[in-house]
Amino acid sequence: SVHTVKSLFRERADAGRAVFMSTHTLDVAESIADRIAIIHH
């Protein structure tokens, strides 16, 4: 299911949509994110 969801997110971005994903799963962020924003305090 993780693989399917990652593929869906990527497909949506490739189709011109936008995905804002908050996550603690850093390997997922590293594998599919075009950009990464880090918030602290």
PDB file of all heavy atoms in Angstrom:
ATOM      1  N   SER A   1       0.828  -1.205   0.000  1.00  0.00           N
ATOM      2  CA  SER A   1       0.000   0.000   0.000  1.00  0.00           C
ATOM      3  C   SER A   1       0.861   1.253   0.000  1.00  0.00           C
ATOM      4  O   SER A   1       0.512   2.255  -0.645  1.00  0.00           O
ATOM      5  CB  SER A   1      -0.929  -0.001   1.218  1.00  0.00           C
ATOM      6  OG  SER A   1      -1.838  -1.081   1.160  1.00  0.00           O
ATOM      7  N   VAL A   2       1.967   1.239   0.735  1.00  0.00           N
ATOM      8  CA  VAL A   2       2.889   2.378   0.732  1.00  0.00           C
ATOM      9  C   VAL A   2       3.376   2.649  -0.687  1.00  0.00           C
ATOM     10  O   VAL A   2       3.408   3.802  -1.148  1.00  0.00           O
ATOM     11  CB  VAL A   2       4.072   2.128   1.677  1.00  0.00           C
ATOM     12  CG1 VAL A   2       5.169   3.187   1.469  1.00  0.00           C
ATOM     13  CG2 VAL A   2       3.619   2.135   3.130  1.00  0.00           C
ATOM     14  N   HIS A   3       3.744   1.591  -1.389  1.00  0.00           N
ATOM     15  CA  HIS A   3       4.215   1.733  -2.773  1.00  0.00           C
ATOM     16  C   HIS A   3       3.117   2.340  -3.654  1.00  0.00           C
ATOM     17  O   HIS A   3       3.382   3.244  -4.470  1.00  0.00           O
ATOM     18  CB  HIS A   3       4.645   0.372  -3.324  1.00  0.00           C
ATOM     19  CG  HIS A   3       5.058   0.407  -4.772  1.00  0.00           C
ATOM     20  ND1 HIS A   3       6.283   0.892  -5.180  1.00  0.00           N
ATOM     21  CD2 HIS A   3       4.394   0.047  -5.901  1.00  0.00           C
ATOM     22  CE1 HIS A   3       6.365   0.828  -6.503  1.00  0.00           C
ATOM     23  NE2 HIS A   3       5.236   0.320  -6.956  1.00  0.00           N
ATOM     24  N   THR A   4       1.877   1.869  -3.484  1.00  0.00           N
ATOM     25  CA  THR A   4       0.759   2.385  -4.276  1.00  0.00           C
ATOM     26  C   THR A   4       0.522   3.865  -4.001  1.00  0.00           C
ATOM     27  O   THR A   4       0.335   4.664  -4.925  1.00  0.00           O
ATOM     28  CB  THR A   4      -0.519   1.593  -3.974  1.00  0.00           C
ATOM     29  OG1 THR A   4      -0.322   0.219  -4.328  1.00  0.00           O
ATOM     30  CG2 THR A   4      -1.710   2.145  -4.750  1.00  0.00           C
ATOM     31  N   VAL A   5       0.524   4.238  -2.732  1.00  0.00           N
ATOM     32  CA  VAL A   5       0.268   5.629  -2.364  1.00  0.00           C
ATOM     33  C   VAL A   5       1.385   6.537  -2.871  1.00  0.00           C
ATOM     34  O   VAL A   5       1.116   7.633  -3.395  1.00  0.00           O
ATOM     35  CB  VAL A   5       0.087   5.756  -0.834  1.00  0.00           C
ATOM     36  CG1 VAL A   5       0.028   7.223  -0.408  1.00  0.00           C
ATOM     37  CG2 VAL A   5      -1.188   5.027  -0.396  1.00  0.00           C
ATOM     38  N   LYS A   6       2.617   6.103  -2.738  1.00  0.00           N
ATOM     39  CA  LYS A   6       3.731   6.888  -3.270  1.00  0.00           C
ATOM     40  C   LYS A   6       3.575   7.092  -4.775  1.00  0.00           C
ATOM     41  O   LYS A   6       3.792   8.200  -5.295  1.00  0.00           O
ATOM     42  CB  LYS A   6       5.060   6.191  -2.961  1.00  0.00           C
ATOM     43  CG  LYS A   6       5.489   6.284  -1.507  1.00  0.00           C
ATOM     44  CD  LYS A   6       6.596   5.308  -1.171  1.00  0.00           C
ATOM     45  CE  LYS A   6       7.859   5.541  -1.943  1.00  0.00           C
ATOM     46  NZ  LYS A   6       8.942   4.615  -1.517  1.00  0.00           N
ATOM     47  N   SER A   7       3.175   6.043  -5.479  1.00  0.00           N
ATOM     48  CA  SER A   7       2.983   6.153  -6.930  1.00  0.00           C
ATOM     49  C   SER A   7       1.858   7.124  -7.266  1.00  0.00           C
ATOM     50  O   SER A   7       1.968   7.922  -8.211  1.00  0.00           O
ATOM     51  CB  SER A   7       2.680   4.774  -7.525  1.00  0.00           C
ATOM     52  OG  SER A   7       3.763   3.884  -7.344  1.00  0.00           O
ATOM     53  N   LEU A   8       0.772   7.076  -6.490  1.00  0.00           N
ATOM     54  CA  LEU A   8      -0.341   8.002  -6.710  1.00  0.00           C
ATOM     55  C   LEU A   8       0.083   9.458  -6.526  1.00  0.00           C
ATOM     56  O   LEU A   8      -0.259  10.327  -7.332  1.00  0.00           O
ATOM     57  CB  LEU A   8      -1.489   7.673  -5.753  1.00  0.00           C
ATOM     58  CG  LEU A   8      -2.481   6.604  -6.186  1.00  0.00           C
ATOM     59  CD1 LEU A   8      -3.391   6.228  -5.021  1.00  0.00           C
ATOM     60  CD2 LEU A   8      -3.312   7.073  -7.372  1.00  0.00           C
ATOM     61  N   PHE A   9       0.840   9.711  -5.476  1.00  0.00           N
ATOM     62  CA  PHE A   9       1.309  11.075  -5.231  1.00  0.00           C
ATOM     63  C   PHE A   9       2.184  11.557  -6.382  1.00  0.00           C
ATOM     64  O   PHE A   9       2.053  12.697  -6.847  1.00  0.00           O
ATOM     65  CB  PHE A   9       2.087  11.154  -3.922  1.00  0.00           C
ATOM     66  CG  PHE A   9       1.249  10.973  -2.676  1.00  0.00           C
ATOM     67  CD1 PHE A   9       1.853  10.866  -1.432  1.00  0.00           C
ATOM     68  CD2 PHE A   9      -0.134  10.908  -2.744  1.00  0.00           C
ATOM     69  CE1 PHE A   9       1.100  10.710  -0.283  1.00  0.00           C
ATOM     70  CE2 PHE A   9      -0.900  10.740  -1.600  1.00  0.00           C
ATOM     71  CZ  PHE A   9      -0.286  10.640  -0.364  1.00  0.00           C
ATOM     72  N   ARG A  10       3.081  10.689  -6.837  1.00  0.00           N
ATOM     73  CA  ARG A  10       3.966  11.069  -7.924  1.00  0.00           C
ATOM     74  C   ARG A  10       3.197  11.318  -9.213  1.00  0.00           C
ATOM     75  O   ARG A  10       3.464  12.280  -9.943  1.00  0.00           O
ATOM     76  CB  ARG A  10       4.993   9.958  -8.113  1.00  0.00           C
ATOM     77  CG  ARG A  10       6.130  10.239  -9.070  1.00  0.00           C
ATOM     78  CD  ARG A  10       7.067  11.301  -8.543  1.00  0.00           C
ATOM     79  NE  ARG A  10       6.761  12.621  -9.089  1.00  0.00           N
ATOM     80  CZ  ARG A  10       7.100  13.746  -8.503  1.00  0.00           C
ATOM     81  NH1 ARG A  10       7.739  13.749  -7.356  1.00  0.00           N
ATOM     82  NH2 ARG A  10       6.786  14.914  -9.049  1.00  0.00           N
ATOM     83  N   GLU A  11       2.215  10.471  -9.475  1.00  0.00           N
ATOM     84  CA  GLU A  11       1.401  10.625 -10.676  1.00  0.00           C
ATOM     85  C   GLU A  11       0.616  11.933 -10.650  1.00  0.00           C
ATOM     86  O   GLU A  11       0.473  12.605 -11.675  1.00  0.00           O
ATOM     87  CB  GLU A  11       0.441   9.445 -10.816  1.00  0.00           C
ATOM     88  CG  GLU A  11       1.123   8.140 -11.196  1.00  0.00           C
ATOM     89  CD  GLU A  11       0.195   6.950 -11.012  1.00  0.00           C
ATOM     90  OE1 GLU A  11      -1.038   7.153 -10.901  1.00  0.00           O
ATOM     91  OE2 GLU A  11       0.695   5.806 -10.977  1.00  0.00           O
ATOM     92  N   ARG A  12       0.102  12.299  -9.492  1.00  0.00           N
ATOM     93  CA  ARG A  12      -0.663  13.539  -9.392  1.00  0.00           C
ATOM     94  C   ARG A  12       0.245  14.742  -9.669  1.00  0.00           C
ATOM     95  O   ARG A  12      -0.147  15.677 -10.376  1.00  0.00           O
ATOM     96  CB  ARG A  12      -1.323  13.661  -8.019  1.00  0.00           C
ATOM     97  CG  ARG A  12      -2.409  12.623  -7.786  1.00  0.00           C
ATOM     98  CD  ARG A  12      -3.312  12.989  -6.656  1.00  0.00           C
ATOM     99  NE  ARG A  12      -4.074  14.212  -6.923  1.00  0.00           N
ATOM    100  CZ  ARG A  12      -5.128  14.276  -7.744  1.00  0.00           C
ATOM    101  NH1 ARG A  12      -5.534  13.200  -8.386  1.00  0.00           N
ATOM    102  NH2 ARG A  12      -5.761  15.425  -7.919  1.00  0.00           N
ATOM    103  N   ALA A  13       1.426  14.723  -9.098  1.00  0.00           N
ATOM    104  CA  ALA A  13       2.355  15.823  -9.357  1.00  0.00           C
ATOM    105  C   ALA A  13       2.729  15.879 -10.841  1.00  0.00           C
ATOM    106  O   ALA A  13       2.760  16.962 -11.438  1.00  0.00           O
ATOM    107  CB  ALA A  13       3.601  15.672  -8.496  1.00  0.00           C
ATOM    108  N   ASP A  14       2.978  14.735 -11.430  1.00  0.00           N
ATOM    109  CA  ASP A  14       3.348  14.698 -12.849  1.00  0.00           C
ATOM    110  C   ASP A  14       2.205  15.184 -13.745  1.00  0.00           C
ATOM    111  O   ASP A  14       2.439  15.629 -14.869  1.00  0.00           O
ATOM    112  CB  ASP A  14       3.757  13.276 -13.247  1.00  0.00           C
ATOM    113  CG  ASP A  14       5.068  12.850 -12.604  1.00  0.00           C
ATOM    114  OD1 ASP A  14       5.814  13.721 -12.112  1.00  0.00           O
ATOM    115  OD2 ASP A  14       5.350  11.625 -12.591  1.00  0.00           O
ATOM    116  N   ALA A  15       0.965  15.092 -13.229  1.00  0.00           N
ATOM    117  CA  ALA A  15      -0.199  15.563 -13.987  1.00  0.00           C
ATOM    118  C   ALA A  15      -0.514  17.037 -13.710  1.00  0.00           C
ATOM    119  O   ALA A  15      -1.530  17.552 -14.172  1.00  0.00           O
ATOM    120  CB  ALA A  15      -1.416  14.701 -13.651  1.00  0.00           C
ATOM    121  N   GLY A  16       0.366  17.710 -12.948  1.00  0.00           N
ATOM    122  CA  GLY A  16       0.186  19.137 -12.706  1.00  0.00           C
ATOM    123  C   GLY A  16      -0.528  19.491 -11.426  1.00  0.00           C
ATOM    124  O   GLY A  16      -0.759  20.661 -11.130  1.00  0.00           O
ATOM    125  N   ARG A  17      -0.883  18.483 -10.630  1.00  0.00           N
ATOM    126  CA  ARG A  17      -1.487  18.721  -9.322  1.00  0.00           C
ATOM    127  C   ARG A  17      -0.376  18.949  -8.291  1.00  0.00           C
ATOM    128  O   ARG A  17       0.811  18.848  -8.599  1.00  0.00           O
ATOM    129  CB  ARG A  17      -2.377  17.550  -8.905  1.00  0.00           C
ATOM    130  CG  ARG A  17      -3.501  17.220  -9.889  1.00  0.00           C
ATOM    131  CD  ARG A  17      -4.495  18.347  -9.958  1.00  0.00           C
ATOM    132  NE  ARG A  17      -5.692  17.988 -10.705  1.00  0.00           N
ATOM    133  CZ  ARG A  17      -6.029  18.484 -11.875  1.00  0.00           C
ATOM    134  NH1 ARG A  17      -5.222  19.344 -12.476  1.00  0.00           N
ATOM    135  NH2 ARG A  17      -7.158  18.148 -12.466  1.00  0.00           N
ATOM    136  N   ALA A  18      -0.754  19.254  -7.057  1.00  0.00           N
ATOM    137  CA  ALA A  18       0.232  19.512  -6.001  1.00  0.00           C
ATOM    138  C   ALA A  18      -0.108  18.660  -4.781  1.00  0.00           C
ATOM    139  O   ALA A  18      -1.278  18.481  -4.442  1.00  0.00           O
ATOM    140  CB  ALA A  18       0.232  20.990  -5.621  1.00  0.00           C
ATOM    141  N   VAL A  19       0.931  18.157  -4.130  1.00  0.00           N
ATOM    142  CA  VAL A  19       0.769  17.333  -2.932  1.00  0.00           C
ATOM    143  C   VAL A  19       1.601  17.936  -1.810  1.00  0.00           C
ATOM    144  O   VAL A  19       2.817  18.125  -1.960  1.00  0.00           O
ATOM    145  CB  VAL A  19       1.200  15.875  -3.174  1.00  0.00           C
ATOM    146  CG1 VAL A  19       1.037  15.043  -1.893  1.00  0.00           C
ATOM    147  CG2 VAL A  19       0.400  15.250  -4.312  1.00  0.00           C
ATOM    148  N   PHE A  20       0.940  18.251  -0.693  1.00  0.00           N
ATOM    149  CA  PHE A  20       1.594  18.753   0.517  1.00  0.00           C
ATOM    150  C   PHE A  20       1.535  17.627   1.535  1.00  0.00           C
ATOM    151  O   PHE A  20       0.462  17.278   2.021  1.00  0.00           O
ATOM    152  CB  PHE A  20       0.869  19.998   1.027  1.00  0.00           C
ATOM    153  CG  PHE A  20       1.533  20.681   2.196  1.00  0.00           C
ATOM    154  CD1 PHE A  20       2.382  21.757   2.002  1.00  0.00           C
ATOM    155  CD2 PHE A  20       1.297  20.254   3.498  1.00  0.00           C
ATOM    156  CE1 PHE A  20       2.984  22.404   3.076  1.00  0.00           C
ATOM    157  CE2 PHE A  20       1.892  20.889   4.581  1.00  0.00           C
ATOM    158  CZ  PHE A  20       2.744  21.964   4.370  1.00  0.00           C
ATOM    159  N   MET A  21       2.683  17.048   1.849  1.00  0.00           N
ATOM    160  CA  MET A  21       2.743  15.832   2.659  1.00  0.00           C
ATOM    161  C   MET A  21       3.548  16.059   3.930  1.00  0.00           C
ATOM    162  O   MET A  21       4.757  16.274   3.894  1.00  0.00           O
ATOM    163  CB  MET A  21       3.385  14.696   1.838  1.00  0.00           C
ATOM    164  CG  MET A  21       3.588  13.399   2.598  1.00  0.00           C
ATOM    165  SD  MET A  21       4.378  12.119   1.579  1.00  0.00           S
ATOM    166  CE  MET A  21       6.012  12.848   1.316  1.00  0.00           C
ATOM    167  N   SER A  22       2.861  16.037   5.067  1.00  0.00           N
ATOM    168  CA  SER A  22       3.548  16.085   6.363  1.00  0.00           C
ATOM    169  C   SER A  22       3.853  14.654   6.789  1.00  0.00           C
ATOM    170  O   SER A  22       2.965  13.795   6.772  1.00  0.00           O
ATOM    171  CB  SER A  22       2.662  16.768   7.403  1.00  0.00           C
ATOM    172  OG  SER A  22       3.255  16.703   8.683  1.00  0.00           O
ATOM    173  N   THR A  23       5.090  14.384   7.156  1.00  0.00           N
ATOM    174  CA  THR A  23       5.457  13.016   7.482  1.00  0.00           C
ATOM    175  C   THR A  23       6.676  12.963   8.394  1.00  0.00           C
ATOM    176  O   THR A  23       7.525  13.852   8.379  1.00  0.00           O
ATOM    177  CB  THR A  23       5.735  12.207   6.202  1.00  0.00           C
ATOM    178  OG1 THR A  23       6.029  10.847   6.543  1.00  0.00           O
ATOM    179  CG2 THR A  23       6.913  12.785   5.421  1.00  0.00           C
ATOM    180  N   HIS A  24       6.723  11.903   9.208  1.00  0.00           N
ATOM    181  CA  HIS A  24       7.933  11.562   9.953  1.00  0.00           C
ATOM    182  C   HIS A  24       8.725  10.473   9.233  1.00  0.00           C
ATOM    183  O   HIS A  24       9.815  10.109   9.676  1.00  0.00           O
ATOM    184  CB  HIS A  24       7.577  11.062  11.354  1.00  0.00           C
ATOM    185  CG  HIS A  24       7.126  12.142  12.292  1.00  0.00           C
ATOM    186  ND1 HIS A  24       7.902  13.235  12.598  1.00  0.00           N
ATOM    187  CD2 HIS A  24       5.977  12.298  12.994  1.00  0.00           C
ATOM    188  CE1 HIS A  24       7.262  14.015  13.456  1.00  0.00           C
ATOM    189  NE2 HIS A  24       6.088  13.474  13.701  1.00  0.00           N
ATOM    190  N   THR A  25       8.162   9.940   8.152  1.00  0.00           N
ATOM    191  CA  THR A  25       8.811   8.847   7.419  1.00  0.00           C
ATOM    192  C   THR A  25       9.792   9.451   6.427  1.00  0.00           C
ATOM    193  O   THR A  25       9.450   9.761   5.286  1.00  0.00           O
ATOM    194  CB  THR A  25       7.754   7.983   6.701  1.00  0.00           C
ATOM    195  OG1 THR A  25       6.692   7.668   7.607  1.00  0.00           O
ATOM    196  CG2 THR A  25       8.389   6.689   6.200  1.00  0.00           C
ATOM    197  N   LEU A  26      11.025   9.622   6.864  1.00  0.00           N
ATOM    198  CA  LEU A  26      11.989  10.393   6.089  1.00  0.00           C
ATOM    199  C   LEU A  26      12.370   9.715   4.781  1.00  0.00           C
ATOM    200  O   LEU A  26      12.647  10.397   3.786  1.00  0.00           O
ATOM    201  CB  LEU A  26      13.236  10.664   6.934  1.00  0.00           C
ATOM    202  CG  LEU A  26      13.002  11.475   8.217  1.00  0.00           C
ATOM    203  CD1 LEU A  26      14.330  11.768   8.902  1.00  0.00           C
ATOM    204  CD2 LEU A  26      12.251  12.773   7.942  1.00  0.00           C
ATOM    205  N   ASP A  27      12.377   8.379   4.751  1.00  0.00           N
ATOM    206  CA  ASP A  27      12.738   7.718   3.500  1.00  0.00           C
ATOM    207  C   ASP A  27      11.667   7.926   2.426  1.00  0.00           C
ATOM    208  O   ASP A  27      11.976   8.000   1.231  1.00  0.00           O
ATOM    209  CB  ASP A  27      13.027   6.233   3.714  1.00  0.00           C
ATOM    210  CG  ASP A  27      11.831   5.466   4.240  1.00  0.00           C
ATOM    211  OD1 ASP A  27      10.986   6.082   4.918  1.00  0.00           O
ATOM    212  OD2 ASP A  27      11.751   4.250   4.004  1.00  0.00           O
ATOM    213  N   VAL A  28      10.404   8.058   2.849  1.00  0.00           N
ATOM    214  CA  VAL A  28       9.336   8.373   1.891  1.00  0.00           C
ATOM    215  C   VAL A  28       9.541   9.778   1.342  1.00  0.00           C
ATOM    216  O   VAL A  28       9.452  10.010   0.133  1.00  0.00           O
ATOM    217  CB  VAL A  28       7.958   8.231   2.556  1.00  0.00           C
ATOM    218  CG1 VAL A  28       6.860   8.782   1.642  1.00  0.00           C
ATOM    219  CG2 VAL A  28       7.673   6.778   2.903  1.00  0.00           C
ATOM    220  N   ALA A  29       9.816  10.725   2.226  1.00  0.00           N
ATOM    221  CA  ALA A  29      10.077  12.095   1.784  1.00  0.00           C
ATOM    222  C   ALA A  29      11.254  12.140   0.824  1.00  0.00           C
ATOM    223  O   ALA A  29      11.214  12.812  -0.218  1.00  0.00           O
ATOM    224  CB  ALA A  29      10.343  12.989   2.991  1.00  0.00           C
ATOM    225  N   GLU A  30      12.303  11.411   1.155  1.00  0.00           N
ATOM    226  CA  GLU A  30      13.509  11.417   0.331  1.00  0.00           C
ATOM    227  C   GLU A  30      13.255  10.808  -1.043  1.00  0.00           C
ATOM    228  O   GLU A  30      13.824  11.248  -2.043  1.00  0.00           O
ATOM    229  CB  GLU A  30      14.622  10.651   1.049  1.00  0.00           C
ATOM    230  CG  GLU A  30      15.990  10.808   0.432  1.00  0.00           C
ATOM    231  CD  GLU A  30      17.092  10.283   1.333  1.00  0.00           C
ATOM    232  OE1 GLU A  30      16.771   9.607   2.342  1.00  0.00           O
ATOM    233  OE2 GLU A  30      18.272  10.543   1.043  1.00  0.00           O
ATOM    234  N   SER A  31      12.356   9.819  -1.109  1.00  0.00           N
ATOM    235  CA  SER A  31      12.170   9.086  -2.361  1.00  0.00           C
ATOM    236  C   SER A  31      11.221   9.779  -3.334  1.00  0.00           C
ATOM    237  O   SER A  31      11.363   9.609  -4.549  1.00  0.00           O
ATOM    238  CB  SER A  31      11.665   7.671  -2.073  1.00  0.00           C
ATOM    239  OG  SER A  31      10.371   7.696  -1.486  1.00  0.00           O
ATOM    240  N   ILE A  32      10.234  10.560  -2.843  1.00  0.00           N
ATOM    241  CA  ILE A  32       9.247  11.104  -3.783  1.00  0.00           C
ATOM    242  C   ILE A  32       9.122  12.621  -3.777  1.00  0.00           C
ATOM    243  O   ILE A  32       8.508  13.190  -4.682  1.00  0.00           O
ATOM    244  CB  ILE A  32       7.850  10.493  -3.562  1.00  0.00           C
ATOM    245  CG1 ILE A  32       7.261  10.911  -2.208  1.00  0.00           C
ATOM    246  CG2 ILE A  32       7.875   8.997  -3.731  1.00  0.00           C
ATOM    247  CD1 ILE A  32       5.795  10.560  -2.068  1.00  0.00           C
ATOM    248  N   ALA A  33       9.678  13.304  -2.786  1.00  0.00           N
ATOM    249  CA  ALA A  33       9.466  14.752  -2.707  1.00  0.00           C
ATOM    250  C   ALA A  33      10.350  15.507  -3.694  1.00  0.00           C
ATOM    251  O   ALA A  33      11.543  15.213  -3.833  1.00  0.00           O
ATOM    252  CB  ALA A  33       9.739  15.246  -1.293  1.00  0.00           C
ATOM    253  N   ASP A  34       9.767  16.485  -4.368  1.00  0.00           N
ATOM    254  CA  ASP A  34      10.542  17.386  -5.217  1.00  0.00           C
ATOM    255  C   ASP A  34      11.276  18.412  -4.364  1.00  0.00           C
ATOM    256  O   ASP A  34      12.413  18.778  -4.668  1.00  0.00           O
ATOM    257  CB  ASP A  34       9.612  18.108  -6.192  1.00  0.00           C
ATOM    258  CG  ASP A  34       8.909  17.142  -7.122  1.00  0.00           C
ATOM    259  OD1 ASP A  34       9.574  16.583  -7.997  1.00  0.00           O
ATOM    260  OD2 ASP A  34       7.699  16.938  -6.950  1.00  0.00           O
ATOM    261  N   ARG A  35      10.582  18.887  -3.313  1.00  0.00           N
ATOM    262  CA  ARG A  35      11.209  19.789  -2.349  1.00  0.00           C
ATOM    263  C   ARG A  35      10.828  19.350  -0.943  1.00  0.00           C
ATOM    264  O   ARG A  35       9.822  18.685  -0.737  1.00  0.00           O
ATOM    265  CB  ARG A  35      10.782  21.241  -2.567  1.00  0.00           C
ATOM    266  CG  ARG A  35      11.352  21.884  -3.826  1.00  0.00           C
ATOM    267  CD  ARG A  35      11.048  23.385  -3.851  1.00  0.00           C
ATOM    268  NE  ARG A  35       9.615  23.631  -3.783  1.00  0.00           N
ATOM    269  CZ  ARG A  35       9.056  24.611  -3.080  1.00  0.00           C
ATOM    270  NH1 ARG A  35       9.800  25.439  -2.352  1.00  0.00           N
ATOM    271  NH2 ARG A  35       7.735  24.783  -3.078  1.00  0.00           N
ATOM    272  N   ILE A  36      11.648  19.774   0.000  1.00  0.00           N
ATOM    273  CA  ILE A  36      11.448  19.425   1.405  1.00  0.00           C
ATOM    274  C   ILE A  36      11.519  20.704   2.218  1.00  0.00           C
ATOM    275  O   ILE A  36      12.465  21.489   2.072  1.00  0.00           O
ATOM    276  CB  ILE A  36      12.518  18.427   1.881  1.00  0.00           C
ATOM    277  CG1 ILE A  36      12.398  17.111   1.101  1.00  0.00           C
ATOM    278  CG2 ILE A  36      12.393  18.171   3.384  1.00  0.00           C
ATOM    279  CD1 ILE A  36      13.623  16.213   1.223  1.00  0.00           C
ATOM    280  N   ALA A  37      10.510  20.939   3.058  1.00  0.00           N
ATOM    281  CA  ALA A  37      10.522  22.073   3.981  1.00  0.00           C
ATOM    282  C   ALA A  37      10.601  21.526   5.399  1.00  0.00           C
ATOM    283  O   ALA A  37       9.882  20.586   5.752  1.00  0.00           O
ATOM    284  CB  ALA A  37       9.271  22.929   3.810  1.00  0.00           C
ATOM    285  N   ILE A  38      11.479  22.105   6.200  1.00  0.00           N
ATOM    286  CA  ILE A  38      11.657  21.668   7.587  1.00  0.00           C
ATOM    287  C   ILE A  38      11.269  22.818   8.506  1.00  0.00           C
ATOM    288  O   ILE A  38      11.783  23.934   8.379  1.00  0.00           O
ATOM    289  CB  ILE A  38      13.115  21.240   7.851  1.00  0.00           C
ATOM    290  CG1 ILE A  38      13.478  20.054   6.943  1.00  0.00           C
ATOM    291  CG2 ILE A  38      13.308  20.856   9.318  1.00  0.00           C
ATOM    292  CD1 ILE A  38      14.925  19.599   7.069  1.00  0.00           C
ATOM    293  N   ILE A  39      10.353  22.540   9.423  1.00  0.00           N
ATOM    294  CA  ILE A  39       9.902  23.534  10.396  1.00  0.00           C
ATOM    295  C   ILE A  39      10.431  23.139  11.776  1.00  0.00           C
ATOM    296  O   ILE A  39      10.445  21.963  12.144  1.00  0.00           O
ATOM    297  CB  ILE A  39       8.358  23.655  10.396  1.00  0.00           C
ATOM    298  CG1 ILE A  39       7.902  24.817  11.280  1.00  0.00           C
ATOM    299  CG2 ILE A  39       7.683  22.347  10.776  1.00  0.00           C
ATOM    300  CD1 ILE A  39       6.420  25.156  11.123  1.00  0.00           C
ATOM    301  N   HIS A  40      10.899  24.134  12.522  1.00  0.00           N
ATOM    302  CA  HIS A  40      11.492  23.897  13.850  1.00  0.00           C
ATOM    303  C   HIS A  40      11.170  25.107  14.723  1.00  0.00           C
ATOM    304  O   HIS A  40      11.420  26.245  14.324  1.00  0.00           O
ATOM    305  CB  HIS A  40      12.998  23.707  13.707  1.00  0.00           C
ATOM    306  CG  HIS A  40      13.697  23.282  14.960  1.00  0.00           C
ATOM    307  ND1 HIS A  40      13.163  22.374  15.845  1.00  0.00           N
ATOM    308  CD2 HIS A  40      14.917  23.630  15.475  1.00  0.00           C
ATOM    309  CE1 HIS A  40      14.009  22.176  16.846  1.00  0.00           C
ATOM    310  NE2 HIS A  40      15.071  22.933  16.645  1.00  0.00           N
ATOM    311  N   HIS A  41      10.566  24.859  15.888  1.00  0.00           N
ATOM    312  CA  HIS A  41      10.139  25.945  16.769  1.00  0.00           C
ATOM    313  C   HIS A  41       9.265  26.962  16.029  1.00  0.00           C
ATOM    314  O   HIS A  41       9.376  28.177  16.235  1.00  0.00           O
ATOM    315  CB  HIS A  41      11.345  26.655  17.389  1.00  0.00           C
ATOM    316  CG  HIS A  41      12.150  25.794  18.312  1.00  0.00           C
ATOM    317  ND1 HIS A  41      11.582  25.039  19.318  1.00  0.00           N
ATOM    318  CD2 HIS A  41      13.485  25.560  18.381  1.00  0.00           C
ATOM    319  CE1 HIS A  41      12.528  24.381  19.968  1.00  0.00           C
ATOM    320  NE2 HIS A  41      13.686  24.664  19.416  1.00  0.00           N
TER     321      HIS A  41
END
